[in-house]
N, C-alpha and C. Protein backbone atom coordinates (compact mmCIF):
# COMPACT_ATOMS: atom_id res chain seq x y z
N UNK A 1 82.52 69.95 66.00
CA UNK A 1 83.05 70.99 66.89
C UNK A 1 84.50 70.70 67.25
N UNK A 2 85.25 71.76 67.47
CA UNK A 2 86.64 71.61 67.88
C UNK A 2 86.72 71.07 69.31
N UNK A 3 87.67 70.17 69.54
CA UNK A 3 87.82 69.56 70.86
C UNK A 3 88.80 70.38 71.71
N UNK A 4 88.43 70.56 72.97
CA UNK A 4 89.30 71.31 73.88
C UNK A 4 89.49 70.54 75.18
N UNK A 5 90.51 70.94 75.92
CA UNK A 5 90.85 70.36 77.20
C UNK A 5 90.48 71.34 78.32
N UNK A 6 89.99 70.81 79.43
CA UNK A 6 89.77 71.60 80.63
C UNK A 6 90.95 71.34 81.57
N UNK A 7 91.61 72.39 82.01
CA UNK A 7 92.73 72.24 82.94
C UNK A 7 92.26 72.64 84.32
N UNK A 8 92.15 71.66 85.20
CA UNK A 8 91.59 71.86 86.54
C UNK A 8 90.30 71.08 86.70
N UNK A 9 90.01 70.66 87.94
CA UNK A 9 88.82 69.83 88.14
C UNK A 9 88.07 70.18 89.43
N UNK A 10 88.24 71.40 89.93
CA UNK A 10 87.51 71.84 91.11
C UNK A 10 86.11 72.32 90.77
N UNK A 11 85.47 72.97 91.74
CA UNK A 11 84.12 73.46 91.53
C UNK A 11 84.02 74.47 90.40
N UNK A 12 85.04 75.30 90.26
CA UNK A 12 85.02 76.29 89.17
C UNK A 12 85.02 75.60 87.81
N UNK A 13 85.72 74.46 87.72
CA UNK A 13 85.75 73.70 86.47
C UNK A 13 84.35 73.23 86.09
N UNK A 14 83.55 72.84 87.10
CA UNK A 14 82.20 72.36 86.80
C UNK A 14 81.36 73.46 86.16
N UNK A 15 81.55 74.71 86.61
CA UNK A 15 80.80 75.82 86.05
C UNK A 15 81.29 76.14 84.63
N UNK A 16 82.59 76.08 84.43
CA UNK A 16 83.16 76.27 83.09
C UNK A 16 82.60 75.22 82.13
N UNK A 17 82.59 73.96 82.58
CA UNK A 17 82.08 72.87 81.75
C UNK A 17 80.62 73.11 81.38
N UNK A 18 79.81 73.54 82.34
CA UNK A 18 78.41 73.82 82.05
C UNK A 18 78.27 74.90 80.97
N UNK A 19 79.09 75.95 81.07
CA UNK A 19 79.03 77.03 80.07
C UNK A 19 79.44 76.51 78.69
N UNK A 20 80.46 75.66 78.64
CA UNK A 20 80.91 75.10 77.35
C UNK A 20 79.82 74.23 76.74
N UNK A 21 79.21 73.40 77.56
CA UNK A 21 78.15 72.53 77.05
C UNK A 21 76.98 73.33 76.50
N UNK A 22 76.65 74.42 77.17
CA UNK A 22 75.51 75.23 76.73
C UNK A 22 75.86 76.12 75.54
N UNK A 23 77.11 76.58 75.49
CA UNK A 23 77.54 77.44 74.39
C UNK A 23 77.58 76.68 73.07
N UNK A 24 77.94 75.38 73.12
CA UNK A 24 77.98 74.51 71.94
C UNK A 24 78.95 75.00 70.87
N UNK A 25 80.00 75.60 71.30
CA UNK A 25 81.04 76.05 70.37
C UNK A 25 82.18 75.04 70.31
N UNK A 26 82.46 74.40 71.43
CA UNK A 26 83.52 73.39 71.53
C UNK A 26 82.96 72.12 72.17
N UNK A 27 83.65 71.01 71.89
CA UNK A 27 83.38 69.77 72.64
C UNK A 27 84.56 69.50 73.56
N UNK A 28 84.29 68.85 74.67
CA UNK A 28 85.32 68.63 75.69
C UNK A 28 85.96 67.26 75.49
N UNK A 29 87.25 67.25 75.23
CA UNK A 29 88.00 66.02 75.04
C UNK A 29 88.24 65.32 76.38
N UNK A 30 88.54 66.10 77.40
CA UNK A 30 88.83 65.53 78.71
C UNK A 30 89.36 66.59 79.65
N UNK A 31 89.83 66.14 80.80
CA UNK A 31 90.30 67.04 81.86
C UNK A 31 91.75 66.73 82.18
N UNK A 32 92.54 67.80 82.34
CA UNK A 32 93.92 67.68 82.81
C UNK A 32 93.97 68.12 84.26
N UNK A 33 94.54 67.28 85.12
CA UNK A 33 94.61 67.60 86.54
C UNK A 33 95.82 66.88 87.14
N UNK A 34 96.65 67.59 87.95
CA UNK A 34 97.86 66.98 88.50
C UNK A 34 97.62 66.07 89.69
N UNK A 35 96.41 66.05 90.23
CA UNK A 35 96.13 65.31 91.46
C UNK A 35 95.27 64.08 91.22
N UNK A 36 94.20 64.22 90.47
CA UNK A 36 93.28 63.10 90.27
C UNK A 36 93.91 62.02 89.39
N UNK A 37 93.67 60.75 89.70
CA UNK A 37 94.22 59.65 88.90
C UNK A 37 93.69 59.66 87.47
N UNK A 38 94.53 59.23 86.53
CA UNK A 38 94.11 59.11 85.14
C UNK A 38 92.91 58.17 85.05
N UNK A 39 91.98 58.51 84.16
CA UNK A 39 90.75 57.77 83.90
C UNK A 39 89.66 57.99 84.94
N UNK A 40 89.93 58.83 85.96
CA UNK A 40 88.86 59.24 86.85
C UNK A 40 87.82 60.03 86.05
N UNK A 41 86.55 59.75 86.30
CA UNK A 41 85.48 60.51 85.66
C UNK A 41 85.01 61.60 86.62
N UNK A 42 85.10 62.83 86.16
CA UNK A 42 84.69 63.97 86.97
C UNK A 42 83.83 64.89 86.10
N UNK A 43 82.66 65.22 86.58
CA UNK A 43 81.70 66.06 85.84
C UNK A 43 81.37 65.47 84.47
N UNK A 44 81.47 64.14 84.37
CA UNK A 44 81.11 63.45 83.12
C UNK A 44 82.24 63.31 82.13
N UNK A 45 83.46 63.73 82.49
CA UNK A 45 84.59 63.68 81.56
C UNK A 45 85.78 62.98 82.21
N UNK A 46 86.62 62.40 81.36
CA UNK A 46 87.73 61.59 81.84
C UNK A 46 88.96 62.44 82.09
N UNK A 47 89.64 62.19 83.21
CA UNK A 47 90.95 62.80 83.46
C UNK A 47 91.97 62.08 82.59
N UNK A 48 92.64 62.85 81.73
CA UNK A 48 93.56 62.24 80.76
C UNK A 48 95.01 62.31 81.20
N UNK A 49 95.30 63.05 82.27
CA UNK A 49 96.67 63.14 82.76
C UNK A 49 96.99 64.50 83.33
N UNK A 50 98.27 64.79 83.45
CA UNK A 50 98.74 66.08 83.96
C UNK A 50 99.04 67.02 82.78
N UNK A 51 99.57 68.17 83.09
CA UNK A 51 99.86 69.15 82.04
C UNK A 51 100.79 68.60 80.96
N UNK A 52 101.72 67.74 81.34
CA UNK A 52 102.65 67.17 80.35
C UNK A 52 101.93 66.33 79.30
N UNK A 53 100.72 65.86 79.64
CA UNK A 53 99.93 65.07 78.69
C UNK A 53 99.56 65.89 77.47
N UNK A 54 99.50 67.20 77.61
CA UNK A 54 99.14 68.05 76.48
C UNK A 54 100.11 67.87 75.31
N UNK A 55 101.37 67.60 75.62
CA UNK A 55 102.36 67.36 74.56
C UNK A 55 102.00 66.13 73.75
N UNK A 56 101.51 65.09 74.41
CA UNK A 56 101.16 63.85 73.73
C UNK A 56 99.89 63.99 72.90
N UNK A 57 98.97 64.84 73.37
CA UNK A 57 97.71 65.00 72.66
C UNK A 57 97.89 65.69 71.32
N UNK A 58 98.81 66.64 71.27
CA UNK A 58 99.12 67.31 70.01
C UNK A 58 97.89 67.87 69.33
N UNK A 59 97.69 67.48 68.07
CA UNK A 59 96.61 68.02 67.26
C UNK A 59 95.26 67.35 67.51
N UNK A 60 95.23 66.44 68.49
CA UNK A 60 93.93 65.84 68.84
C UNK A 60 92.99 66.87 69.47
N UNK A 61 93.57 67.92 70.04
CA UNK A 61 92.75 68.97 70.64
C UNK A 61 93.12 70.32 70.03
N UNK A 62 92.12 71.19 69.94
CA UNK A 62 92.34 72.53 69.39
C UNK A 62 93.03 73.44 70.39
N UNK A 63 92.69 73.28 71.65
CA UNK A 63 93.24 74.14 72.70
C UNK A 63 92.58 73.80 74.02
N UNK A 64 92.44 74.80 74.90
CA UNK A 64 91.83 74.53 76.19
C UNK A 64 91.65 75.79 77.00
N UNK A 65 91.10 75.61 78.19
CA UNK A 65 90.91 76.72 79.12
C UNK A 65 91.31 76.25 80.52
N UNK A 66 91.97 77.15 81.25
CA UNK A 66 92.38 76.83 82.62
C UNK A 66 91.24 77.19 83.55
N UNK A 67 90.66 76.16 84.16
CA UNK A 67 89.48 76.33 85.02
C UNK A 67 89.90 76.33 86.49
N UNK A 68 90.72 77.30 86.85
CA UNK A 68 91.20 77.47 88.22
C UNK A 68 90.74 78.85 88.68
N UNK A 69 90.02 78.90 89.80
CA UNK A 69 89.38 80.15 90.21
C UNK A 69 90.38 81.18 90.74
N UNK A 70 91.39 80.73 91.47
CA UNK A 70 92.37 81.64 92.05
C UNK A 70 93.24 82.26 90.95
N UNK A 71 93.35 83.59 90.96
CA UNK A 71 94.09 84.28 89.90
C UNK A 71 95.54 83.85 89.82
N UNK A 72 96.20 83.75 90.97
CA UNK A 72 97.62 83.39 90.99
C UNK A 72 97.83 81.95 90.54
N UNK A 73 96.97 81.05 91.02
CA UNK A 73 97.06 79.66 90.59
C UNK A 73 96.81 79.50 89.10
N UNK A 74 95.86 80.25 88.58
CA UNK A 74 95.57 80.21 87.16
C UNK A 74 96.77 80.73 86.36
N UNK A 75 97.36 81.81 86.82
CA UNK A 75 98.50 82.39 86.12
C UNK A 75 99.69 81.43 86.09
N UNK A 76 99.98 80.79 87.21
CA UNK A 76 101.11 79.85 87.26
C UNK A 76 100.89 78.64 86.37
N UNK A 77 99.66 78.15 86.34
CA UNK A 77 99.35 77.01 85.48
C UNK A 77 99.50 77.37 84.02
N UNK A 78 99.04 78.54 83.64
CA UNK A 78 99.18 78.98 82.25
C UNK A 78 100.64 79.15 81.88
N UNK A 79 101.44 79.70 82.80
CA UNK A 79 102.88 79.85 82.53
C UNK A 79 103.54 78.49 82.32
N UNK A 80 103.14 77.49 83.10
CA UNK A 80 103.70 76.15 82.96
C UNK A 80 103.32 75.54 81.61
N UNK A 81 102.10 75.75 81.19
CA UNK A 81 101.65 75.22 79.89
C UNK A 81 102.39 75.92 78.75
N UNK A 82 102.54 77.22 78.85
CA UNK A 82 103.24 77.95 77.80
C UNK A 82 104.71 77.55 77.70
N UNK A 83 105.28 77.17 78.84
CA UNK A 83 106.67 76.69 78.83
C UNK A 83 106.77 75.37 78.08
N UNK A 84 105.79 74.50 78.29
CA UNK A 84 105.75 73.21 77.59
C UNK A 84 105.39 73.37 76.12
N UNK A 85 104.38 74.22 75.88
CA UNK A 85 103.81 74.36 74.53
C UNK A 85 103.55 75.84 74.25
N UNK A 86 104.55 76.55 73.76
CA UNK A 86 104.39 78.00 73.52
C UNK A 86 103.23 78.36 72.60
N UNK A 87 102.83 77.44 71.73
CA UNK A 87 101.77 77.74 70.77
C UNK A 87 100.40 77.20 71.18
N UNK A 88 100.29 76.74 72.43
CA UNK A 88 99.01 76.21 72.88
C UNK A 88 97.94 77.30 72.81
N UNK A 89 96.76 76.93 72.30
CA UNK A 89 95.68 77.90 72.12
C UNK A 89 94.75 77.89 73.34
N UNK A 90 94.63 79.03 73.98
CA UNK A 90 93.68 79.19 75.08
C UNK A 90 92.39 79.80 74.53
N UNK A 91 91.26 79.20 74.88
CA UNK A 91 89.98 79.66 74.33
C UNK A 91 89.19 80.39 75.41
N UNK A 92 88.36 81.31 74.98
CA UNK A 92 87.43 81.97 75.89
C UNK A 92 86.11 81.22 75.86
N UNK A 93 85.37 81.34 76.96
CA UNK A 93 84.08 80.66 77.09
C UNK A 93 83.05 81.67 77.56
N UNK A 94 81.92 81.73 76.88
CA UNK A 94 80.87 82.68 77.22
C UNK A 94 79.55 81.93 77.36
N UNK A 95 78.98 81.94 78.56
CA UNK A 95 77.69 81.29 78.78
C UNK A 95 76.64 81.98 77.91
N UNK A 96 75.77 81.23 77.26
CA UNK A 96 74.79 81.86 76.35
C UNK A 96 73.81 82.81 77.03
N UNK A 97 73.66 82.72 78.35
CA UNK A 97 72.77 83.66 79.04
C UNK A 97 73.45 84.97 79.40
N UNK A 98 74.77 85.07 79.16
CA UNK A 98 75.47 86.34 79.38
C UNK A 98 75.03 87.35 78.33
N UNK A 99 75.05 88.62 78.69
CA UNK A 99 74.66 89.70 77.77
C UNK A 99 75.91 90.51 77.43
N UNK A 100 76.38 90.34 76.22
CA UNK A 100 77.62 91.00 75.77
C UNK A 100 77.26 92.03 74.70
N UNK A 101 77.51 93.29 74.97
CA UNK A 101 77.18 94.34 74.01
C UNK A 101 78.15 94.32 72.82
N UNK A 102 77.80 95.08 71.81
CA UNK A 102 78.66 95.20 70.64
C UNK A 102 79.94 95.95 70.99
N UNK A 103 80.97 95.70 70.24
CA UNK A 103 82.26 96.37 70.40
C UNK A 103 82.90 96.10 71.75
N UNK A 104 82.67 94.90 72.28
CA UNK A 104 83.34 94.43 73.49
C UNK A 104 84.45 93.48 73.08
N UNK A 105 85.61 93.62 73.67
CA UNK A 105 86.73 92.74 73.39
C UNK A 105 87.00 91.85 74.60
N UNK A 106 87.06 90.55 74.36
CA UNK A 106 87.28 89.58 75.42
C UNK A 106 88.52 88.76 75.08
N UNK A 107 89.49 88.75 75.99
CA UNK A 107 90.77 88.11 75.73
C UNK A 107 90.72 86.59 75.80
N UNK A 108 91.74 85.97 75.24
CA UNK A 108 91.86 84.51 75.25
C UNK A 108 91.87 83.98 76.68
N UNK A 109 91.22 82.85 76.88
CA UNK A 109 91.24 82.19 78.18
C UNK A 109 90.29 82.76 79.20
N UNK A 110 89.52 83.77 78.83
CA UNK A 110 88.58 84.40 79.76
C UNK A 110 87.24 83.67 79.77
N UNK A 111 86.64 83.59 80.94
CA UNK A 111 85.33 82.95 81.10
C UNK A 111 84.30 83.99 81.53
N UNK A 112 83.19 84.03 80.83
CA UNK A 112 82.06 84.90 81.17
C UNK A 112 80.90 84.00 81.55
N UNK A 113 80.45 84.11 82.79
CA UNK A 113 79.50 83.15 83.35
C UNK A 113 78.04 83.57 83.14
N UNK A 114 77.15 82.69 83.59
CA UNK A 114 75.72 82.87 83.39
C UNK A 114 75.23 84.19 84.00
N UNK A 115 74.45 84.93 83.22
CA UNK A 115 73.83 86.15 83.70
C UNK A 115 74.73 87.36 83.77
N UNK A 116 75.99 87.22 83.39
CA UNK A 116 76.90 88.37 83.42
C UNK A 116 76.52 89.37 82.33
N UNK A 117 76.81 90.64 82.59
CA UNK A 117 76.53 91.71 81.63
C UNK A 117 77.83 92.48 81.39
N UNK A 118 78.17 92.66 80.12
CA UNK A 118 79.33 93.49 79.75
C UNK A 118 78.85 94.48 78.70
N UNK A 119 78.96 95.77 79.01
CA UNK A 119 78.42 96.79 78.11
C UNK A 119 79.45 97.34 77.13
N UNK A 120 78.97 98.17 76.22
CA UNK A 120 79.72 98.59 75.04
C UNK A 120 81.10 99.15 75.34
N UNK A 121 82.00 98.88 74.40
CA UNK A 121 83.36 99.45 74.36
C UNK A 121 84.23 99.02 75.54
N UNK A 122 83.84 97.97 76.21
CA UNK A 122 84.64 97.46 77.32
C UNK A 122 85.67 96.46 76.81
N UNK A 123 86.81 96.46 77.44
CA UNK A 123 87.89 95.54 77.10
C UNK A 123 88.16 94.65 78.31
N UNK A 124 88.07 93.34 78.11
CA UNK A 124 88.39 92.36 79.14
C UNK A 124 89.66 91.65 78.71
N UNK A 125 90.66 91.61 79.59
CA UNK A 125 91.94 91.01 79.24
C UNK A 125 91.89 89.48 79.19
N UNK A 126 93.06 88.88 79.11
CA UNK A 126 93.17 87.43 79.00
C UNK A 126 93.02 86.75 80.37
N UNK A 127 92.47 85.54 80.33
CA UNK A 127 92.43 84.64 81.49
C UNK A 127 91.75 85.28 82.71
N UNK A 128 90.70 86.02 82.44
CA UNK A 128 89.94 86.65 83.52
C UNK A 128 88.63 85.89 83.74
N UNK A 129 87.95 86.23 84.82
CA UNK A 129 86.66 85.62 85.13
C UNK A 129 85.64 86.74 85.38
N UNK A 130 84.59 86.75 84.58
CA UNK A 130 83.45 87.63 84.80
C UNK A 130 82.34 86.72 85.29
N UNK A 131 82.13 86.69 86.58
CA UNK A 131 81.37 85.61 87.18
C UNK A 131 79.85 85.86 87.18
N UNK A 132 79.12 84.90 87.71
CA UNK A 132 77.66 84.83 87.64
C UNK A 132 76.99 86.13 88.09
N UNK A 133 76.12 86.66 87.22
CA UNK A 133 75.31 87.84 87.52
C UNK A 133 76.12 89.07 87.90
N UNK A 134 77.36 89.14 87.46
CA UNK A 134 78.14 90.36 87.65
C UNK A 134 77.87 91.31 86.48
N UNK A 135 78.26 92.57 86.66
CA UNK A 135 77.97 93.58 85.64
C UNK A 135 79.17 94.50 85.46
N UNK A 136 79.60 94.65 84.22
CA UNK A 136 80.70 95.54 83.87
C UNK A 136 80.14 96.55 82.86
N UNK A 137 80.07 97.81 83.26
CA UNK A 137 79.42 98.81 82.42
C UNK A 137 80.34 99.26 81.27
N UNK A 138 79.86 100.22 80.51
CA UNK A 138 80.54 100.59 79.27
C UNK A 138 81.90 101.26 79.51
N UNK A 139 82.78 101.07 78.54
CA UNK A 139 84.09 101.72 78.50
C UNK A 139 85.01 101.37 79.66
N UNK A 140 84.83 100.20 80.24
CA UNK A 140 85.75 99.74 81.27
C UNK A 140 86.95 99.04 80.63
N UNK A 141 88.05 99.00 81.35
CA UNK A 141 89.24 98.28 80.91
C UNK A 141 89.69 97.38 82.05
N UNK A 142 89.59 96.08 81.83
CA UNK A 142 90.03 95.10 82.81
C UNK A 142 91.26 94.41 82.24
N UNK A 143 92.33 94.35 83.01
CA UNK A 143 93.57 93.74 82.55
C UNK A 143 93.49 92.21 82.63
N UNK A 144 94.63 91.54 82.55
CA UNK A 144 94.67 90.08 82.56
C UNK A 144 94.53 89.52 83.98
N UNK A 145 94.01 88.30 84.07
CA UNK A 145 93.90 87.56 85.34
C UNK A 145 93.07 88.32 86.39
N UNK A 146 92.07 89.01 85.93
CA UNK A 146 91.16 89.73 86.82
C UNK A 146 89.98 88.82 87.18
N UNK A 147 89.47 88.96 88.39
CA UNK A 147 88.28 88.22 88.80
C UNK A 147 87.21 89.18 89.28
N UNK A 148 86.07 89.16 88.60
CA UNK A 148 84.89 89.91 89.04
C UNK A 148 83.91 88.88 89.56
N UNK A 149 83.70 88.84 90.85
CA UNK A 149 82.96 87.77 91.52
C UNK A 149 81.45 87.89 91.28
N UNK A 150 80.69 86.82 91.62
CA UNK A 150 79.24 86.87 91.43
C UNK A 150 78.61 88.09 92.10
N UNK A 151 77.74 88.75 91.33
CA UNK A 151 76.98 89.88 91.87
C UNK A 151 77.73 91.18 91.98
N UNK A 152 79.00 91.22 91.61
CA UNK A 152 79.77 92.47 91.67
C UNK A 152 79.35 93.38 90.51
N UNK A 153 79.44 94.69 90.73
CA UNK A 153 79.01 95.67 89.73
C UNK A 153 80.09 96.72 89.56
N UNK A 154 80.50 96.94 88.30
CA UNK A 154 81.46 97.99 87.96
C UNK A 154 80.75 99.05 87.13
N UNK A 155 80.86 100.31 87.55
CA UNK A 155 80.29 101.40 86.79
C UNK A 155 81.10 101.68 85.52
N UNK A 156 80.70 102.69 84.80
CA UNK A 156 81.38 103.00 83.54
C UNK A 156 82.80 103.50 83.77
N UNK A 157 83.66 103.30 82.77
CA UNK A 157 85.03 103.84 82.76
C UNK A 157 85.88 103.38 83.94
N UNK A 158 85.59 102.22 84.47
CA UNK A 158 86.41 101.68 85.56
C UNK A 158 87.61 100.94 84.97
N UNK A 159 88.75 101.08 85.62
CA UNK A 159 89.96 100.37 85.21
C UNK A 159 90.40 99.44 86.33
N UNK A 160 90.70 98.19 85.97
CA UNK A 160 91.10 97.19 86.95
C UNK A 160 92.42 96.57 86.51
N UNK A 161 93.42 96.58 87.40
CA UNK A 161 94.76 96.12 87.06
C UNK A 161 94.91 94.61 87.08
N UNK A 162 96.04 94.15 86.57
CA UNK A 162 96.35 92.72 86.50
C UNK A 162 96.15 92.03 87.85
N UNK A 163 95.47 90.89 87.81
CA UNK A 163 95.36 90.06 89.00
C UNK A 163 94.48 90.58 90.10
N UNK A 164 93.75 91.66 89.86
CA UNK A 164 92.90 92.24 90.90
C UNK A 164 91.59 91.45 91.03
N UNK A 165 90.95 91.61 92.18
CA UNK A 165 89.72 90.89 92.49
C UNK A 165 88.67 91.87 93.00
N UNK A 166 87.49 91.80 92.42
CA UNK A 166 86.33 92.53 92.95
C UNK A 166 85.40 91.45 93.49
N UNK A 167 85.30 91.35 94.80
CA UNK A 167 84.65 90.21 95.44
C UNK A 167 83.13 90.29 95.40
N UNK A 168 82.51 89.25 95.96
CA UNK A 168 81.06 89.07 95.91
C UNK A 168 80.28 90.33 96.29
N UNK A 169 79.41 90.75 95.38
CA UNK A 169 78.49 91.83 95.68
C UNK A 169 79.10 93.20 95.85
N UNK A 170 80.39 93.36 95.56
CA UNK A 170 81.02 94.68 95.69
C UNK A 170 80.53 95.62 94.60
N UNK A 171 80.60 96.92 94.88
CA UNK A 171 80.18 97.95 93.93
C UNK A 171 81.34 98.91 93.70
N UNK A 172 81.58 99.23 92.44
CA UNK A 172 82.66 100.16 92.09
C UNK A 172 82.04 101.28 91.28
N UNK A 173 82.12 102.53 91.77
CA UNK A 173 81.48 103.62 91.05
C UNK A 173 82.28 103.96 89.79
N UNK A 174 81.67 104.77 88.94
CA UNK A 174 82.25 105.10 87.64
C UNK A 174 83.60 105.83 87.77
N UNK A 175 84.45 105.58 86.79
CA UNK A 175 85.69 106.34 86.56
C UNK A 175 86.73 106.22 87.66
N UNK A 176 86.71 105.14 88.42
CA UNK A 176 87.78 104.93 89.39
C UNK A 176 88.65 103.77 88.91
N UNK A 177 89.83 103.64 89.54
CA UNK A 177 90.78 102.59 89.17
C UNK A 177 91.07 101.71 90.37
N UNK A 178 91.29 100.44 90.10
CA UNK A 178 91.72 99.48 91.10
C UNK A 178 93.06 98.92 90.65
N UNK A 179 94.07 99.06 91.49
CA UNK A 179 95.42 98.68 91.11
C UNK A 179 95.61 97.18 91.01
N UNK A 180 96.74 96.79 90.43
CA UNK A 180 97.02 95.37 90.21
C UNK A 180 97.16 94.62 91.53
N UNK A 181 96.64 93.40 91.51
CA UNK A 181 96.70 92.45 92.65
C UNK A 181 96.03 92.97 93.92
N UNK A 182 95.15 93.94 93.76
CA UNK A 182 94.36 94.42 94.90
C UNK A 182 93.07 93.62 94.99
N UNK A 183 92.64 93.37 96.22
CA UNK A 183 91.38 92.67 96.47
C UNK A 183 90.39 93.63 97.12
N UNK A 184 89.22 93.76 96.49
CA UNK A 184 88.12 94.53 97.06
C UNK A 184 87.20 93.54 97.77
N UNK A 185 86.99 93.75 99.06
CA UNK A 185 86.23 92.80 99.87
C UNK A 185 84.77 92.70 99.49
N UNK A 186 84.17 91.58 99.86
CA UNK A 186 82.77 91.31 99.55
C UNK A 186 81.86 92.39 100.13
N UNK A 187 80.91 92.84 99.31
CA UNK A 187 79.92 93.81 99.76
C UNK A 187 80.42 95.23 99.90
N UNK A 188 81.65 95.49 99.51
CA UNK A 188 82.23 96.83 99.66
C UNK A 188 81.72 97.78 98.58
N UNK A 189 81.85 99.08 98.85
CA UNK A 189 81.52 100.11 97.86
C UNK A 189 82.76 100.97 97.63
N UNK A 190 83.26 100.95 96.41
CA UNK A 190 84.48 101.68 96.08
C UNK A 190 84.09 103.05 95.51
N UNK A 191 84.43 104.11 96.26
CA UNK A 191 84.05 105.47 95.86
C UNK A 191 85.23 106.27 95.34
N UNK A 192 86.44 105.76 95.53
CA UNK A 192 87.62 106.44 94.99
C UNK A 192 88.65 105.39 94.61
N UNK A 193 89.61 105.78 93.79
CA UNK A 193 90.59 104.83 93.28
C UNK A 193 91.39 104.19 94.41
N UNK A 194 91.72 102.91 94.21
CA UNK A 194 92.48 102.12 95.18
C UNK A 194 93.78 101.69 94.50
N UNK A 195 94.90 101.80 95.19
CA UNK A 195 96.19 101.46 94.61
C UNK A 195 96.43 99.97 94.49
N UNK A 196 97.66 99.60 94.18
CA UNK A 196 98.02 98.21 93.94
C UNK A 196 98.40 97.48 95.23
N UNK A 197 98.31 96.16 95.18
CA UNK A 197 98.77 95.27 96.25
C UNK A 197 98.15 95.59 97.61
N UNK A 198 96.84 95.82 97.59
CA UNK A 198 96.16 96.10 98.84
C UNK A 198 94.92 95.26 99.02
N UNK A 199 94.41 95.24 100.24
CA UNK A 199 93.10 94.66 100.54
C UNK A 199 92.25 95.80 101.06
N UNK A 200 91.12 96.04 100.39
CA UNK A 200 90.24 97.15 100.77
C UNK A 200 88.83 96.64 100.95
N UNK A 201 88.18 97.11 102.00
CA UNK A 201 86.78 96.75 102.17
C UNK A 201 86.06 97.82 102.99
N UNK A 202 84.73 97.70 103.00
CA UNK A 202 83.90 98.66 103.71
C UNK A 202 83.16 99.57 102.76
N UNK A 203 82.33 100.44 103.35
CA UNK A 203 81.58 101.44 102.59
C UNK A 203 81.75 102.80 103.25
N UNK A 204 82.59 103.67 102.69
CA UNK A 204 83.36 103.44 101.47
C UNK A 204 84.56 102.53 101.71
N UNK A 205 85.02 101.86 100.66
CA UNK A 205 86.14 100.92 100.79
C UNK A 205 87.43 101.66 101.12
N UNK A 206 88.16 101.13 102.09
CA UNK A 206 89.45 101.68 102.47
C UNK A 206 90.47 100.55 102.55
N UNK A 207 91.72 100.87 102.23
CA UNK A 207 92.78 99.87 102.31
C UNK A 207 93.07 99.56 103.77
N UNK A 208 93.01 98.27 104.13
CA UNK A 208 93.24 97.86 105.51
C UNK A 208 94.59 97.18 105.69
N UNK A 209 95.15 96.68 104.60
CA UNK A 209 96.48 96.08 104.68
C UNK A 209 97.01 95.87 103.28
N UNK A 210 98.29 95.56 103.20
CA UNK A 210 98.89 95.21 101.92
C UNK A 210 98.80 93.70 101.71
N UNK A 211 99.06 93.27 100.51
CA UNK A 211 99.07 91.85 100.20
C UNK A 211 100.11 91.57 99.11
N UNK A 212 100.53 90.31 99.05
CA UNK A 212 101.38 89.85 97.95
C UNK A 212 100.50 89.23 96.88
N UNK A 213 100.99 89.22 95.67
CA UNK A 213 100.17 88.73 94.57
C UNK A 213 99.77 87.25 94.72
N UNK A 214 100.59 86.49 95.45
CA UNK A 214 100.28 85.07 95.64
C UNK A 214 99.40 84.78 96.85
N UNK A 215 99.06 85.80 97.63
CA UNK A 215 98.25 85.57 98.83
C UNK A 215 96.86 85.06 98.47
N UNK A 216 96.38 84.11 99.26
CA UNK A 216 95.06 83.54 99.04
C UNK A 216 93.97 84.56 99.38
N UNK A 217 92.92 84.55 98.59
CA UNK A 217 91.80 85.43 98.88
C UNK A 217 90.46 84.69 98.82
N UNK A 218 90.50 83.38 98.63
CA UNK A 218 89.28 82.61 98.46
C UNK A 218 88.90 81.79 99.69
N UNK A 219 89.72 81.84 100.74
CA UNK A 219 89.42 81.03 101.94
C UNK A 219 88.28 81.66 102.74
């Protein structure tokens, strides 16, 4: 199997690692993390260094995946890696219990977690997260760096912009759009399209404030 690197060592990384181990498509060479000391063992794998270590590894690894849950943090880490190594290969990871219909496109660096469902003709962009037991119905278009949290449900023909978040247990009805970097609050029901750079929650979901793309949404 091709060897890959995990970038990040938080709780989200542990779930990514579990999916990789079960998928059996890649083997894990080690973990890259800027904080943990080299040779620390985390989730059964050795920390090999910081992002700059990727230059030294060269052809020892096929590529890797950024296992950072926050969209903005993931995006910045990927930008830093691309600056160091423009040709670095980012791999997608799909848990074997996920249900992926035919004619679904999944971008590089995207993780699809256990129990997730993605239906026909849907497009998932790069470096996104389709999390545990979430559901994305047919003909949806999700851009890059999108996060669909555990238990969230998207109806058919939904469009989600770059960096947007559909939080835990939220519901999005068919044929609506969610703008880039917008966060839909946990348990909300989206009945009409929501613009960009907002925080919306409730049933029906309404925009309660604006946000910047770097604002934290996981606290």
